[in-house]
């Protein structure tokens, strides 16, 4: 069952366990973006927002997955703008 990051409630005070979980999810999100940028040619998502970040139950060993690549672009040349 997937949830979007927006569906996860974050209170004003975060206890230690929730802080650890959120930190791990953020690290996985950064690893997802890093993977896209290291592809040949690199891929830029261009629409990262909570609705496009899925949180799964971790059956494949990963909890974070990116979705909606409608605005993404490949960068063929080194001097091409990342915008």
Protein backbone atom coordinates (compact mmCIF):
# COMPACT_ATOMS: atom_id res chain seq x y z
CA UNK A 1 0.00 0.00 0.00
CA UNK A 2 1.50 3.31 -1.09
CA UNK A 3 1.01 6.61 0.69
CA UNK A 4 2.18 9.99 -0.48
CA UNK A 5 4.48 11.98 1.75
CA UNK A 6 1.66 14.51 2.04
CA UNK A 7 -0.53 11.83 3.67
CA UNK A 8 1.90 11.38 6.55
CA UNK A 9 1.04 13.65 9.47
CA UNK A 10 3.94 15.49 11.07
CA UNK A 11 3.22 17.24 14.37
CA UNK A 12 5.06 20.32 15.63
CA UNK A 13 7.05 18.19 18.05
CA UNK A 14 8.77 15.09 16.74
CA UNK A 15 9.95 12.37 19.08
CA UNK A 16 13.27 10.59 18.56
CA UNK A 17 11.81 7.56 16.77
CA UNK A 18 9.81 9.64 14.28
CA UNK A 19 12.84 11.87 13.70
CA UNK A 20 14.92 8.78 12.87
CA UNK A 21 12.24 7.43 10.50
CA UNK A 22 11.90 10.77 8.72
CA UNK A 23 15.69 11.02 8.43
CA UNK A 24 15.89 7.58 6.83
CA UNK A 25 13.10 8.44 4.40
CA UNK A 26 14.87 11.67 3.45
CA UNK A 27 18.14 9.78 2.86
CA UNK A 28 16.31 7.37 0.54
CA UNK A 29 14.77 10.33 -1.30
CA UNK A 30 18.24 11.80 -1.84
CA UNK A 31 19.48 8.42 -3.07
CA UNK A 32 16.61 8.32 -5.60
CA UNK A 33 17.52 11.76 -6.94
CA UNK A 34 21.21 10.87 -6.99
CA UNK A 35 20.45 7.72 -9.02
CA UNK A 36 18.54 9.77 -11.60
CA UNK A 37 21.36 12.30 -11.88
CA UNK A 38 24.00 9.57 -12.38
CA UNK A 39 22.17 7.94 -15.32
CA UNK A 40 23.77 8.31 -18.73
CA UNK A 41 22.41 10.77 -19.89
CA UNK A 42 21.39 12.29 -16.55
CA UNK A 43 17.69 12.64 -15.81
CA UNK A 44 16.22 15.60 -13.93
CA UNK A 45 12.82 15.01 -12.31
CA UNK A 46 11.79 18.73 -12.20
CA UNK A 47 8.60 18.15 -10.17
CA UNK A 48 9.65 16.94 -6.72
CA UNK A 49 6.83 17.62 -4.30
CA UNK A 50 5.14 15.57 -1.58
CA UNK A 51 2.46 14.28 -3.97
CA UNK A 52 5.14 12.70 -6.20
CA UNK A 53 6.94 10.84 -3.41
CA UNK A 54 5.50 7.42 -2.56
CA UNK A 55 6.09 5.65 0.73
CA UNK A 56 5.76 1.86 0.43
CA UNK A 57 5.85 -0.98 2.93
CA UNK A 58 9.46 -1.77 2.02
CA UNK A 59 8.88 -5.16 0.42
CA UNK A 60 11.65 -4.50 -2.14
CA UNK A 61 14.05 -3.19 0.50
CA UNK A 62 13.26 0.42 -0.31
CA UNK A 63 10.58 2.61 1.25
CA UNK A 64 10.71 5.69 -0.99
CA UNK A 65 9.78 5.72 -4.66
CA UNK A 66 9.39 8.65 -7.02
CA UNK A 67 6.46 8.91 -9.40
CA UNK A 68 5.19 11.22 -12.16
CA UNK A 69 8.05 11.86 -14.55
CA UNK A 70 5.93 14.02 -16.87
CA UNK A 71 8.18 17.10 -16.52
CA UNK A 72 11.48 15.20 -16.37
CA UNK A 73 14.20 15.81 -18.94
CA UNK A 74 17.36 14.04 -20.07
CA UNK A 75 20.52 16.12 -20.37
CA UNK A 76 22.55 15.12 -23.41
CA UNK A 77 25.29 17.77 -23.19
CA UNK A 78 27.52 18.98 -20.36
CA UNK A 79 26.77 22.65 -21.04
CA UNK A 80 22.98 22.14 -21.14
CA UNK A 81 21.06 24.05 -18.47
CA UNK A 82 19.52 22.00 -15.66
CA UNK A 83 16.37 24.19 -15.64
